[in-house]
């Protein structure tokens, strides 16, 4: 099982990622092992989706990082 997830920092910055072990990955983010999130203060998981295989999850992650995906997230996270 793979999880596509969105983190939001206190400043409102979003981080989009994918993993097969969300608790481990969040721990890595909190411990500064990811360069991008090491600069983020107190982030929260604000969105997640689960997929059966890597290819589906990767496709969705890439979509969320696109302009259309950012528009989708803006609408979805606003409500």
C-alpha atoms as a PDB file:
ATOM      1  CA  UNK A   1       0.000   0.000   0.000  1.00  0.00           C
ATOM      2  CA  UNK A   2       1.311   3.456  -0.949  1.00  0.00           C
ATOM      3  CA  UNK A   3       0.195   6.783   0.486  1.00  0.00           C
ATOM      4  CA  UNK A   4       0.272  10.122  -1.306  1.00  0.00           C
ATOM      5  CA  UNK A   5       0.244  12.865   1.305  1.00  0.00           C
ATOM      6  CA  UNK A   6       0.280  16.641   1.677  1.00  0.00           C
ATOM      7  CA  UNK A   7       1.965  18.456   4.554  1.00  0.00           C
ATOM      8  CA  UNK A   8       1.220  22.081   5.433  1.00  0.00           C
ATOM      9  CA  UNK A   9       3.584  24.225   7.509  1.00  0.00           C
ATOM     10  CA  UNK A  10       2.594  27.012   9.889  1.00  0.00           C
ATOM     11  CA  UNK A  11       3.557  29.441   7.125  1.00  0.00           C
ATOM     12  CA  UNK A  12       1.090  27.777   4.742  1.00  0.00           C
ATOM     13  CA  UNK A  13       3.700  26.071   2.539  1.00  0.00           C
ATOM     14  CA  UNK A  14       2.704  22.685   1.099  1.00  0.00           C
ATOM     15  CA  UNK A  15       4.869  19.601   0.631  1.00  0.00           C
ATOM     16  CA  UNK A  16       3.614  16.773  -1.563  1.00  0.00           C
ATOM     17  CA  UNK A  17       5.060  13.307  -1.150  1.00  0.00           C
ATOM     18  CA  UNK A  18       4.550   9.576  -1.474  1.00  0.00           C
ATOM     19  CA  UNK A  19       5.594   6.647   0.708  1.00  0.00           C
ATOM     20  CA  UNK A  20       4.835   3.033   1.524  1.00  0.00           C
ATOM     21  CA  UNK A  21       5.233   3.726   5.271  1.00  0.00           C
ATOM     22  CA  UNK A  22       3.670   7.020   6.363  1.00  0.00           C
ATOM     23  CA  UNK A  23       4.635   6.939  10.086  1.00  0.00           C
ATOM     24  CA  UNK A  24       8.303   6.290   9.206  1.00  0.00           C
ATOM     25  CA  UNK A  25       8.286   9.013   6.552  1.00  0.00           C
ATOM     26  CA  UNK A  26       6.710  11.587   8.882  1.00  0.00           C
ATOM     27  CA  UNK A  27       9.376  10.765  11.455  1.00  0.00           C
ATOM     28  CA  UNK A  28      12.053  11.412   8.814  1.00  0.00           C
ATOM     29  CA  UNK A  29      10.444  14.779   8.029  1.00  0.00           C
ATOM     30  CA  UNK A  30      10.324  15.732  11.708  1.00  0.00           C
ATOM     31  CA  UNK A  31      13.965  14.767  12.222  1.00  0.00           C
ATOM     32  CA  UNK A  32      15.169  16.946   9.343  1.00  0.00           C
ATOM     33  CA  UNK A  33      16.165  14.116   7.016  1.00  0.00           C
ATOM     34  CA  UNK A  34      14.341  15.758   4.106  1.00  0.00           C
ATOM     35  CA  UNK A  35      15.947  18.996   2.968  1.00  0.00           C
ATOM     36  CA  UNK A  36      12.681  20.716   1.984  1.00  0.00           C
ATOM     37  CA  UNK A  37      10.761  19.939   5.161  1.00  0.00           C
ATOM     38  CA  UNK A  38      13.726  20.630   7.442  1.00  0.00           C
ATOM     39  CA  UNK A  39      12.969  24.336   6.868  1.00  0.00           C
ATOM     40  CA  UNK A  40       9.245  23.920   7.609  1.00  0.00           C
ATOM     41  CA  UNK A  41       7.960  24.718  11.088  1.00  0.00           C
ATOM     42  CA  UNK A  42       5.389  22.443  12.720  1.00  0.00           C
ATOM     43  CA  UNK A  43       3.739  20.795   9.738  1.00  0.00           C
ATOM     44  CA  UNK A  44       0.521  18.789   9.686  1.00  0.00           C
ATOM     45  CA  UNK A  45      -0.768  16.103   7.319  1.00  0.00           C
ATOM     46  CA  UNK A  46      -3.694  17.894   5.698  1.00  0.00           C
ATOM     47  CA  UNK A  47      -4.525  15.399   2.927  1.00  0.00           C
ATOM     48  CA  UNK A  48      -3.773  11.790   2.028  1.00  0.00           C
ATOM     49  CA  UNK A  49      -4.835   9.123  -0.440  1.00  0.00           C
ATOM     50  CA  UNK A  50      -3.931   5.419  -0.513  1.00  0.00           C
ATOM     51  CA  UNK A  51      -3.105   3.323  -3.565  1.00  0.00           C
ATOM     52  CA  UNK A  52      -2.482  -0.374  -4.125  1.00  0.00           C
ATOM     53  CA  UNK A  53       0.635   0.002  -6.253  1.00  0.00           C
ATOM     54  CA  UNK A  54       3.588   2.309  -6.795  1.00  0.00           C
ATOM     55  CA  UNK A  55       2.679   3.351 -10.345  1.00  0.00           C
ATOM     56  CA  UNK A  56      -0.787   4.646  -9.403  1.00  0.00           C
ATOM     57  CA  UNK A  57       0.575   6.515  -6.383  1.00  0.00           C
ATOM     58  CA  UNK A  58       3.422   8.082  -8.367  1.00  0.00           C
ATOM     59  CA  UNK A  59       1.036   9.199 -11.099  1.00  0.00           C
ATOM     60  CA  UNK A  60      -1.195  10.884  -8.510  1.00  0.00           C
ATOM     61  CA  UNK A  61       1.774  12.533  -6.765  1.00  0.00           C
ATOM     62  CA  UNK A  62       2.968  13.992 -10.073  1.00  0.00           C
ATOM     63  CA  UNK A  63      -0.561  15.241 -10.813  1.00  0.00           C
ATOM     64  CA  UNK A  64      -0.765  17.003  -7.429  1.00  0.00           C
ATOM     65  CA  UNK A  65       2.549  18.713  -8.195  1.00  0.00           C
ATOM     66  CA  UNK A  66       1.215  20.003 -11.537  1.00  0.00           C
ATOM     67  CA  UNK A  67      -0.705  23.251 -12.059  1.00  0.00           C
ATOM     68  CA  UNK A  68      -4.001  21.353 -12.322  1.00  0.00           C
ATOM     69  CA  UNK A  69      -3.169  19.439  -9.138  1.00  0.00           C
ATOM     70  CA  UNK A  70      -2.363  22.641  -7.276  1.00  0.00           C
ATOM     71  CA  UNK A  71      -5.747  24.057  -8.321  1.00  0.00           C
ATOM     72  CA  UNK A  72      -7.434  20.845  -7.106  1.00  0.00           C
ATOM     73  CA  UNK A  73      -5.650  21.079  -3.751  1.00  0.00           C
ATOM     74  CA  UNK A  74      -6.498  24.758  -3.359  1.00  0.00           C
ATOM     75  CA  UNK A  75     -10.199  23.955  -3.766  1.00  0.00           C
ATOM     76  CA  UNK A  76     -10.082  20.796  -1.670  1.00  0.00           C
ATOM     77  CA  UNK A  77      -8.068  22.187   1.242  1.00  0.00           C
ATOM     78  CA  UNK A  78     -10.119  25.365   1.408  1.00  0.00           C
ATOM     79  CA  UNK A  79     -13.243  23.469   2.460  1.00  0.00           C
END
